[in-house]
Amino acid sequence: MSTHESFIVVGVDHSRAAVDALAFALDEGVAHGCAVEVVTAWLWSSPYEGMDEVGTIEEGNQAAAAVQDSALGEALAGRPDGPVVSQTVVHQDAGQALVERSEGARMLVVGSARKGAVSRAVLGSVSEYCVRHAPAPVVVVAGSEQPRHRRRDQVQAAVGNTSRALC
């Protein structure tokens, strides 16, 4: 995917917010003719199902790929068409991986899931890291399980203040 701004990067983990972010990225890809790169990054501390039984990096990649495949299957279900999709699984910090992969992208899409104060302090926020460091515009999609506190006009105003159009 080397054509400048012809692709969208989306981060996917085990959360509902990630599936919502993936659905948004797929919609944007279809609407604007962009390919979508689905990225799942994991470390030994990743809370994916089956990670406690991982003994090698290859086994970890397989467990993370299964999480990604499940999210992609759910997001693609019932869609008559979709963009070109590529899948990447890496053993790396999620924020760093997404920022690196977003170089030259039209946008980076991440989900925002609720975390407790301790989890946020220890693990940090991937979406916050991406907003601060990504070279591409970042769209943060709140998970469908989160309450909505902003009115639509507030969201449009925030998007309208970005330095360049997203798509």
N, C-alpha and C. Protein backbone atom coordinates (compact mmCIF):
# COMPACT_ATOMS: atom_id res chain seq x y z
N MET A 1 0.84 -1.18 0.00
CA MET A 1 0.00 0.00 0.00
C MET A 1 0.88 1.24 0.00
N SER A 2 1.42 1.58 -1.11
CA SER A 2 2.34 2.69 -1.14
C SER A 2 1.75 3.96 -1.75
N THR A 3 0.59 3.89 -2.39
CA THR A 3 -0.01 5.08 -2.97
C THR A 3 -0.44 6.02 -1.86
N HIS A 4 0.06 7.26 -1.90
CA HIS A 4 -0.22 8.22 -0.83
C HIS A 4 -1.72 8.43 -0.66
N GLU A 5 -2.16 8.26 0.56
CA GLU A 5 -3.54 8.51 0.97
C GLU A 5 -4.56 7.64 0.24
N SER A 6 -4.17 6.47 -0.23
CA SER A 6 -5.13 5.57 -0.85
C SER A 6 -5.57 4.46 0.10
N PHE A 7 -5.13 4.56 1.35
CA PHE A 7 -5.50 3.52 2.30
C PHE A 7 -5.82 4.13 3.66
N ILE A 8 -6.59 3.35 4.42
CA ILE A 8 -6.99 3.70 5.78
C ILE A 8 -6.43 2.61 6.68
N VAL A 9 -5.87 3.00 7.81
CA VAL A 9 -5.37 2.04 8.79
C VAL A 9 -6.36 2.02 9.95
N VAL A 10 -6.68 0.82 10.42
CA VAL A 10 -7.58 0.68 11.56
C VAL A 10 -6.99 -0.33 12.54
N GLY A 11 -6.99 0.05 13.81
CA GLY A 11 -6.51 -0.84 14.86
C GLY A 11 -7.63 -1.71 15.39
N VAL A 12 -7.34 -3.00 15.55
CA VAL A 12 -8.35 -3.95 16.03
C VAL A 12 -7.78 -4.77 17.17
N ASP A 13 -8.54 -4.83 18.25
CA ASP A 13 -8.22 -5.73 19.35
C ASP A 13 -9.48 -6.52 19.70
N HIS A 14 -9.61 -6.96 20.91
CA HIS A 14 -10.74 -7.79 21.34
C HIS A 14 -11.98 -6.99 21.75
N SER A 15 -11.93 -5.67 21.69
CA SER A 15 -13.02 -4.85 22.24
C SER A 15 -14.16 -4.59 21.26
N ARG A 16 -15.31 -4.26 21.82
CA ARG A 16 -16.47 -3.85 21.00
C ARG A 16 -16.13 -2.57 20.24
N ALA A 17 -15.39 -1.66 20.87
CA ALA A 17 -15.00 -0.41 20.22
C ALA A 17 -14.17 -0.68 18.97
N ALA A 18 -13.35 -1.72 19.00
CA ALA A 18 -12.53 -2.05 17.83
C ALA A 18 -13.40 -2.51 16.66
N VAL A 19 -14.44 -3.28 16.93
CA VAL A 19 -15.35 -3.72 15.87
C VAL A 19 -16.08 -2.51 15.29
N ASP A 20 -16.48 -1.58 16.15
CA ASP A 20 -17.14 -0.36 15.68
C ASP A 20 -16.18 0.49 14.84
N ALA A 21 -14.93 0.59 15.27
CA ALA A 21 -13.92 1.34 14.51
C ALA A 21 -13.68 0.66 13.15
N LEU A 22 -13.63 -0.65 13.14
CA LEU A 22 -13.44 -1.40 11.90
C LEU A 22 -14.61 -1.16 10.95
N ALA A 23 -15.82 -1.19 11.46
CA ALA A 23 -17.00 -0.94 10.62
C ALA A 23 -16.92 0.47 10.02
N PHE A 24 -16.52 1.45 10.83
CA PHE A 24 -16.37 2.83 10.33
C PHE A 24 -15.32 2.88 9.22
N ALA A 25 -14.18 2.25 9.45
CA ALA A 25 -13.10 2.26 8.45
C ALA A 25 -13.54 1.58 7.15
N LEU A 26 -14.27 0.48 7.25
CA LEU A 26 -14.77 -0.20 6.05
C LEU A 26 -15.75 0.69 5.30
N ASP A 27 -16.64 1.37 6.03
CA ASP A 27 -17.58 2.29 5.38
C ASP A 27 -16.84 3.40 4.65
N GLU A 28 -15.83 3.97 5.30
CA GLU A 28 -15.03 5.04 4.68
C GLU A 28 -14.27 4.52 3.47
N GLY A 29 -13.75 3.31 3.58
CA GLY A 29 -13.04 2.71 2.45
C GLY A 29 -13.93 2.55 1.23
N VAL A 30 -15.14 2.07 1.45
CA VAL A 30 -16.10 1.91 0.35
C VAL A 30 -16.49 3.27 -0.22
N ALA A 31 -16.81 4.21 0.66
CA ALA A 31 -17.29 5.52 0.23
C ALA A 31 -16.26 6.30 -0.58
N HIS A 32 -14.99 6.07 -0.28
CA HIS A 32 -13.95 6.89 -0.89
C HIS A 32 -12.93 6.10 -1.71
N GLY A 33 -13.21 4.83 -1.95
CA GLY A 33 -12.31 4.04 -2.78
C GLY A 33 -10.95 3.79 -2.16
N CYS A 34 -10.90 3.70 -0.84
CA CYS A 34 -9.65 3.46 -0.12
C CYS A 34 -9.55 1.99 0.30
N ALA A 35 -8.36 1.44 0.21
CA ALA A 35 -8.11 0.13 0.79
C ALA A 35 -8.05 0.31 2.31
N VAL A 36 -8.27 -0.77 3.05
CA VAL A 36 -8.24 -0.72 4.51
C VAL A 36 -7.22 -1.74 5.00
N GLU A 37 -6.28 -1.26 5.81
CA GLU A 37 -5.32 -2.15 6.45
C GLU A 37 -5.74 -2.35 7.90
N VAL A 38 -6.05 -3.59 8.26
CA VAL A 38 -6.48 -3.93 9.61
C VAL A 38 -5.24 -4.38 10.38
N VAL A 39 -4.94 -3.67 11.47
CA VAL A 39 -3.72 -3.93 12.24
C VAL A 39 -4.08 -4.39 13.64
N THR A 40 -3.52 -5.51 14.04
CA THR A 40 -3.65 -5.99 15.41
C THR A 40 -2.25 -6.13 15.98
N ALA A 41 -1.98 -5.39 17.03
CA ALA A 41 -0.70 -5.46 17.71
C ALA A 41 -0.91 -6.12 19.06
N TRP A 42 0.06 -6.90 19.49
CA TRP A 42 -0.08 -7.59 20.76
C TRP A 42 1.27 -7.66 21.44
N LEU A 43 1.24 -7.77 22.74
CA LEU A 43 2.41 -8.04 23.56
C LEU A 43 2.04 -9.17 24.51
N TRP A 44 2.99 -9.68 25.24
CA TRP A 44 2.70 -10.78 26.15
C TRP A 44 1.60 -10.41 27.14
N SER A 45 1.45 -9.13 27.42
CA SER A 45 0.43 -8.69 28.38
C SER A 45 -0.93 -8.43 27.74
N SER A 46 -1.08 -8.68 26.44
CA SER A 46 -2.35 -8.43 25.76
C SER A 46 -3.45 -9.30 26.36
N PRO A 47 -4.63 -8.73 26.56
CA PRO A 47 -5.70 -9.48 27.21
C PRO A 47 -6.56 -10.29 26.24
N TYR A 48 -6.00 -10.82 25.17
CA TYR A 48 -6.77 -11.59 24.21
C TYR A 48 -7.05 -12.98 24.76
N GLU A 49 -8.17 -13.53 24.34
CA GLU A 49 -8.55 -14.88 24.71
C GLU A 49 -7.44 -15.85 24.29
N GLY A 50 -6.98 -16.68 25.21
CA GLY A 50 -5.98 -17.68 24.89
C GLY A 50 -4.55 -17.20 25.03
N MET A 51 -4.32 -15.92 25.34
CA MET A 51 -2.95 -15.42 25.46
C MET A 51 -2.22 -16.02 26.65
N ASP A 52 -2.96 -16.44 27.67
CA ASP A 52 -2.31 -17.02 28.83
C ASP A 52 -1.68 -18.37 28.50
N GLU A 53 -2.05 -18.96 27.36
CA GLU A 53 -1.50 -20.25 26.95
C GLU A 53 -0.44 -20.11 25.87
N VAL A 54 -0.07 -18.86 25.54
CA VAL A 54 0.89 -18.60 24.48
C VAL A 54 2.30 -18.85 24.99
N GLY A 55 3.04 -19.67 24.24
CA GLY A 55 4.42 -19.96 24.63
C GLY A 55 5.45 -19.37 23.68
N THR A 56 5.03 -19.07 22.46
CA THR A 56 5.97 -18.52 21.47
C THR A 56 5.33 -17.32 20.78
N ILE A 57 6.16 -16.55 20.12
CA ILE A 57 5.63 -15.41 19.37
C ILE A 57 4.71 -15.90 18.25
N GLU A 58 5.03 -16.99 17.62
CA GLU A 58 4.17 -17.52 16.56
C GLU A 58 2.78 -17.88 17.11
N GLU A 59 2.74 -18.51 18.29
CA GLU A 59 1.45 -18.82 18.91
C GLU A 59 0.69 -17.54 19.27
N GLY A 60 1.42 -16.53 19.73
CA GLY A 60 0.79 -15.24 20.02
C GLY A 60 0.24 -14.59 18.78
N ASN A 61 1.00 -14.64 17.69
CA ASN A 61 0.51 -14.11 16.41
C ASN A 61 -0.76 -14.82 15.97
N GLN A 62 -0.80 -16.14 16.16
CA GLN A 62 -1.98 -16.90 15.78
C GLN A 62 -3.19 -16.52 16.63
N ALA A 63 -2.99 -16.34 17.94
CA ALA A 63 -4.09 -15.94 18.82
C ALA A 63 -4.59 -14.54 18.46
N ALA A 64 -3.67 -13.61 18.19
CA ALA A 64 -4.05 -12.24 17.81
C ALA A 64 -4.74 -12.25 16.44
N ALA A 65 -4.26 -13.09 15.51
CA ALA A 65 -4.89 -13.19 14.19
C ALA A 65 -6.32 -13.73 14.31
N ALA A 66 -6.54 -14.65 15.24
CA ALA A 66 -7.89 -15.18 15.45
C ALA A 66 -8.83 -14.08 15.96
N VAL A 67 -8.33 -13.23 16.85
CA VAL A 67 -9.12 -12.09 17.33
C VAL A 67 -9.45 -11.17 16.16
N GLN A 68 -8.45 -10.89 15.34
CA GLN A 68 -8.64 -10.00 14.19
C GLN A 68 -9.62 -10.61 13.19
N ASP A 69 -9.48 -11.88 12.89
CA ASP A 69 -10.38 -12.54 11.94
C ASP A 69 -11.83 -12.50 12.43
N SER A 70 -12.01 -12.69 13.74
CA SER A 70 -13.36 -12.65 14.31
C SER A 70 -13.97 -11.25 14.16
N ALA A 71 -13.20 -10.22 14.48
CA ALA A 71 -13.69 -8.84 14.36
C ALA A 71 -13.99 -8.51 12.91
N LEU A 72 -13.13 -8.92 12.00
CA LEU A 72 -13.34 -8.64 10.58
C LEU A 72 -14.57 -9.38 10.07
N GLY A 73 -14.75 -10.61 10.46
CA GLY A 73 -15.94 -11.36 10.06
C GLY A 73 -17.21 -10.69 10.54
N GLU A 74 -17.19 -10.20 11.78
CA GLU A 74 -18.37 -9.52 12.33
C GLU A 74 -18.63 -8.21 11.58
N ALA A 75 -17.57 -7.45 11.31
CA ALA A 75 -17.74 -6.15 10.64
C ALA A 75 -18.16 -6.31 9.18
N LEU A 76 -17.77 -7.40 8.54
CA LEU A 76 -18.11 -7.62 7.13
C LEU A 76 -19.47 -8.31 6.95
N ALA A 77 -20.00 -8.88 8.02
CA ALA A 77 -21.27 -9.62 7.92
C ALA A 77 -22.38 -8.72 7.39
N GLY A 78 -23.08 -9.22 6.39
CA GLY A 78 -24.21 -8.49 5.83
C GLY A 78 -23.85 -7.37 4.88
N ARG A 79 -22.58 -7.19 4.60
CA ARG A 79 -22.17 -6.14 3.65
C ARG A 79 -22.15 -6.73 2.24
N PRO A 80 -22.83 -6.08 1.32
CA PRO A 80 -22.82 -6.59 -0.05
C PRO A 80 -21.47 -6.35 -0.74
N ASP A 81 -20.76 -5.32 -0.31
CA ASP A 81 -19.46 -5.03 -0.90
C ASP A 81 -18.55 -4.47 0.19
N GLY A 82 -17.29 -4.48 -0.10
CA GLY A 82 -16.33 -3.94 0.86
C GLY A 82 -15.10 -3.47 0.13
N PRO A 83 -14.26 -2.74 0.80
CA PRO A 83 -13.02 -2.29 0.19
C PRO A 83 -12.01 -3.42 0.13
N VAL A 84 -10.91 -3.19 -0.54
CA VAL A 84 -9.78 -4.11 -0.48
C VAL A 84 -9.26 -4.07 0.95
N VAL A 85 -9.08 -5.24 1.56
CA VAL A 85 -8.66 -5.32 2.95
C VAL A 85 -7.36 -6.11 3.03
N SER A 86 -6.40 -5.57 3.78
CA SER A 86 -5.19 -6.34 4.11
C SER A 86 -5.14 -6.47 5.63
N GLN A 87 -4.50 -7.52 6.08
CA GLN A 87 -4.45 -7.80 7.51
C GLN A 87 -3.00 -7.89 7.96
N THR A 88 -2.71 -7.23 9.09
CA THR A 88 -1.37 -7.22 9.67
C THR A 88 -1.47 -7.55 11.15
N VAL A 89 -0.64 -8.47 11.61
CA VAL A 89 -0.54 -8.79 13.03
C VAL A 89 0.93 -8.62 13.40
N VAL A 90 1.18 -7.85 14.47
CA VAL A 90 2.55 -7.61 14.89
C VAL A 90 2.70 -7.77 16.39
N HIS A 91 3.86 -8.22 16.80
CA HIS A 91 4.22 -8.30 18.21
C HIS A 91 4.92 -7.00 18.56
N GLN A 92 4.12 -6.02 18.98
CA GLN A 92 4.64 -4.67 19.21
C GLN A 92 3.61 -3.90 20.03
N ASP A 93 4.04 -2.82 20.68
CA ASP A 93 3.11 -1.92 21.36
C ASP A 93 2.09 -1.42 20.36
N ALA A 94 0.81 -1.43 20.72
CA ALA A 94 -0.25 -1.09 19.77
C ALA A 94 -0.14 0.34 19.26
N GLY A 95 0.06 1.29 20.14
CA GLY A 95 0.17 2.68 19.71
C GLY A 95 1.31 2.89 18.73
N GLN A 96 2.46 2.37 19.05
CA GLN A 96 3.62 2.50 18.16
C GLN A 96 3.37 1.83 16.82
N ALA A 97 2.79 0.65 16.83
CA ALA A 97 2.52 -0.06 15.58
C ALA A 97 1.56 0.72 14.69
N LEU A 98 0.50 1.25 15.29
CA LEU A 98 -0.50 1.99 14.51
C LEU A 98 0.08 3.29 13.96
N VAL A 99 0.85 3.99 14.75
CA VAL A 99 1.48 5.23 14.28
C VAL A 99 2.42 4.93 13.11
N GLU A 100 3.22 3.89 13.23
CA GLU A 100 4.14 3.52 12.13
C GLU A 100 3.37 3.15 10.86
N ARG A 101 2.32 2.34 11.02
CA ARG A 101 1.57 1.88 9.85
C ARG A 101 0.79 3.01 9.19
N SER A 102 0.50 4.09 9.94
CA SER A 102 -0.31 5.18 9.39
C SER A 102 0.49 6.18 8.56
N GLU A 103 1.78 5.99 8.45
CA GLU A 103 2.59 6.87 7.61
C GLU A 103 2.07 6.82 6.17
N GLY A 104 1.64 7.95 5.65
CA GLY A 104 1.12 8.03 4.29
C GLY A 104 -0.34 7.64 4.14
N ALA A 105 -0.99 7.30 5.25
CA ALA A 105 -2.41 6.89 5.19
C ALA A 105 -3.32 8.11 5.10
N ARG A 106 -4.50 7.88 4.58
CA ARG A 106 -5.53 8.91 4.54
C ARG A 106 -6.02 9.21 5.95
N MET A 107 -6.15 8.17 6.77
CA MET A 107 -6.55 8.34 8.16
C MET A 107 -6.20 7.08 8.94
N LEU A 108 -6.13 7.26 10.25
CA LEU A 108 -5.97 6.16 11.19
C LEU A 108 -7.23 6.13 12.04
N VAL A 109 -7.85 4.95 12.14
CA VAL A 109 -9.09 4.80 12.91
C VAL A 109 -8.81 3.86 14.08
N VAL A 110 -9.19 4.32 15.27
CA VAL A 110 -9.04 3.50 16.47
C VAL A 110 -10.32 3.56 17.28
N GLY A 111 -10.54 2.53 18.05
CA GLY A 111 -11.67 2.52 18.96
C GLY A 111 -11.26 3.04 20.31
N SER A 112 -12.22 3.50 21.07
CA SER A 112 -11.96 3.97 22.42
C SER A 112 -12.87 3.20 23.37
N ALA A 113 -12.27 2.32 24.14
CA ALA A 113 -13.03 1.52 25.10
C ALA A 113 -12.80 2.08 26.49
N ARG A 114 -13.76 1.87 27.34
CA ARG A 114 -13.60 2.32 28.73
C ARG A 114 -12.56 1.46 29.43
N LYS A 115 -11.71 2.14 30.18
CA LYS A 115 -10.74 1.45 31.01
C LYS A 115 -10.85 2.01 32.41
N GLY A 116 -10.53 1.20 33.38
CA GLY A 116 -10.46 1.70 34.75
C GLY A 116 -9.22 2.57 34.91
N ALA A 117 -9.18 3.32 36.00
CA ALA A 117 -8.07 4.24 36.25
C ALA A 117 -6.74 3.51 36.34
N VAL A 118 -6.72 2.36 36.98
CA VAL A 118 -5.47 1.62 37.13
C VAL A 118 -4.99 1.10 35.78
N SER A 119 -5.90 0.51 35.01
CA SER A 119 -5.55 0.00 33.69
C SER A 119 -5.03 1.11 32.80
N ARG A 120 -5.68 2.26 32.81
CA ARG A 120 -5.27 3.38 31.98
C ARG A 120 -3.89 3.89 32.41
N ALA A 121 -3.64 3.95 33.72
CA ALA A 121 -2.36 4.43 34.22
C ALA A 121 -1.23 3.48 33.88
N VAL A 122 -1.49 2.18 33.97
CA VAL A 122 -0.46 1.19 33.72
C VAL A 122 -0.25 0.97 32.22
N LEU A 123 -1.33 0.78 31.49
CA LEU A 123 -1.24 0.45 30.07
C LEU A 123 -1.28 1.67 29.16
N GLY A 124 -1.83 2.77 29.64
CA GLY A 124 -1.96 3.95 28.81
C GLY A 124 -3.15 3.82 27.88
N SER A 125 -3.33 4.81 27.05
CA SER A 125 -4.42 4.82 26.10
C SER A 125 -3.86 4.80 24.69
N VAL A 126 -4.20 3.77 23.95
CA VAL A 126 -3.73 3.67 22.57
C VAL A 126 -4.28 4.82 21.74
N SER A 127 -5.56 5.13 21.93
CA SER A 127 -6.15 6.22 21.14
C SER A 127 -5.48 7.55 21.44
N GLU A 128 -5.18 7.81 22.71
CA GLU A 128 -4.50 9.06 23.06
C GLU A 128 -3.11 9.11 22.46
N TYR A 129 -2.38 8.01 22.51
CA TYR A 129 -1.05 7.95 21.91
C TYR A 129 -1.12 8.24 20.42
N CYS A 130 -2.09 7.64 19.75
CA CYS A 130 -2.23 7.84 18.31
C CYS A 130 -2.57 9.29 17.96
N VAL A 131 -3.48 9.89 18.72
CA VAL A 131 -3.85 11.27 18.47
C VAL A 131 -2.63 12.17 18.61
N ARG A 132 -1.77 11.89 19.56
CA ARG A 132 -0.60 12.73 19.80
C ARG A 132 0.55 12.49 18.81
N HIS A 133 0.65 11.29 18.25
CA HIS A 133 1.85 10.95 17.49
C HIS A 133 1.64 10.57 16.02
N ALA A 134 0.45 10.26 15.61
CA ALA A 134 0.24 9.76 14.24
C ALA A 134 0.48 10.86 13.21
N PRO A 135 1.10 10.50 12.08
CA PRO A 135 1.32 11.46 11.01
C PRO A 135 0.06 11.69 10.15
N ALA A 136 -0.94 10.87 10.33
CA ALA A 136 -2.20 10.98 9.57
C ALA A 136 -3.30 11.47 10.51
N PRO A 137 -4.39 12.01 9.96
CA PRO A 137 -5.53 12.36 10.81
C PRO A 137 -6.03 11.11 11.53
N VAL A 138 -6.47 11.28 12.76
CA VAL A 138 -6.92 10.16 13.59
C VAL A 138 -8.41 10.32 13.88
N VAL A 139 -9.16 9.25 13.67
CA VAL A 139 -10.57 9.20 14.02
C VAL A 139 -10.70 8.22 15.19
N VAL A 140 -11.25 8.69 16.30
CA VAL A 140 -11.46 7.84 17.46
C VAL A 140 -12.95 7.53 17.52
N VAL A 141 -13.28 6.25 17.45
CA VAL A 141 -14.67 5.80 17.45
C VAL A 141 -14.98 5.23 18.83
N ALA A 142 -15.96 5.83 19.49
CA ALA A 142 -16.39 5.33 20.80
C ALA A 142 -17.13 4.02 20.59
N GLY A 143 -16.87 3.05 21.43
CA GLY A 143 -17.55 1.78 21.35
C GLY A 143 -19.04 1.94 21.55
N SER A 144 -19.83 1.09 20.93
CA SER A 144 -21.28 1.21 21.02
C SER A 144 -21.80 1.00 22.44
N GLU A 145 -20.99 0.41 23.32
CA GLU A 145 -21.42 0.22 24.70
C GLU A 145 -21.21 1.49 25.53
N GLN A 146 -20.55 2.49 24.98
CA GLN A 146 -20.30 3.73 25.72
C GLN A 146 -21.43 4.72 25.50
N PRO A 147 -21.78 5.44 26.55
CA PRO A 147 -22.81 6.47 26.38
C PRO A 147 -22.29 7.61 25.52
N ARG A 148 -23.18 8.22 24.78
CA ARG A 148 -22.83 9.35 23.93
C ARG A 148 -23.10 10.64 24.69
N HIS A 149 -22.10 11.50 24.78
CA HIS A 149 -22.25 12.75 25.51
C HIS A 149 -22.18 13.97 24.61
N ARG A 150 -21.79 13.81 23.37
CA ARG A 150 -21.67 14.94 22.47
C ARG A 150 -22.83 14.97 21.50
N ARG A 151 -23.27 16.18 21.20
CA ARG A 151 -24.28 16.34 20.16
C ARG A 151 -23.59 16.24 18.80
N ARG A 152 -24.35 15.87 17.79
CA ARG A 152 -23.81 15.71 16.43
C ARG A 152 -23.12 16.98 15.94
N ASP A 153 -23.69 18.16 16.22
CA ASP A 153 -23.07 19.40 15.75
C ASP A 153 -21.72 19.64 16.44
N GLN A 154 -21.56 19.16 17.67
CA GLN A 154 -20.27 19.30 18.34
C GLN A 154 -19.22 18.43 17.68
N VAL A 155 -19.59 17.22 17.28
CA VAL A 155 -18.66 16.32 16.62
C VAL A 155 -18.28 16.88 15.26
N GLN A 156 -19.25 17.37 14.50
CA GLN A 156 -18.95 17.95 13.19
C GLN A 156 -18.03 19.15 13.33
N ALA A 157 -18.24 19.96 14.36
CA ALA A 157 -17.38 21.13 14.57
C ALA A 157 -15.96 20.68 14.87
N ALA A 158 -15.81 19.64 15.67
CA ALA A 158 -14.47 19.15 16.00
C ALA A 158 -13.78 18.60 14.77
N VAL A 159 -14.50 17.86 13.93
CA VAL A 159 -13.92 17.32 12.71
C VAL A 159 -13.59 18.45 11.74
N GLY A 160 -14.45 19.46 11.69
CA GLY A 160 -14.22 20.58 10.78
C GLY A 160 -13.00 21.39 11.13
N ASN A 161 -12.48 21.24 12.35
CA ASN A 161 -11.30 22.00 12.77
C ASN A 161 -9.99 21.29 12.47
N THR A 162 -10.03 20.13 11.82
CA THR A 162 -8.79 19.44 11.49
C THR A 162 -8.08 20.18 10.37
N SER A 163 -6.78 19.94 10.26
CA SER A 163 -5.99 20.70 9.30
C SER A 163 -6.19 20.25 7.86
N ARG A 164 -6.71 19.05 7.64
CA ARG A 164 -7.00 18.61 6.28
C ARG A 164 -8.19 17.67 6.31
N ALA A 165 -8.83 17.54 5.18
CA ALA A 165 -10.01 16.68 5.09
C ALA A 165 -9.61 15.23 5.30
N LEU A 166 -10.49 14.45 5.91
CA LEU A 166 -10.18 13.05 6.16
C LEU A 166 -10.31 12.21 4.91
N CYS A 167 -11.35 12.34 4.17
CA CYS A 167 -11.55 11.56 2.93
C CYS A 167 -12.29 12.39 1.93
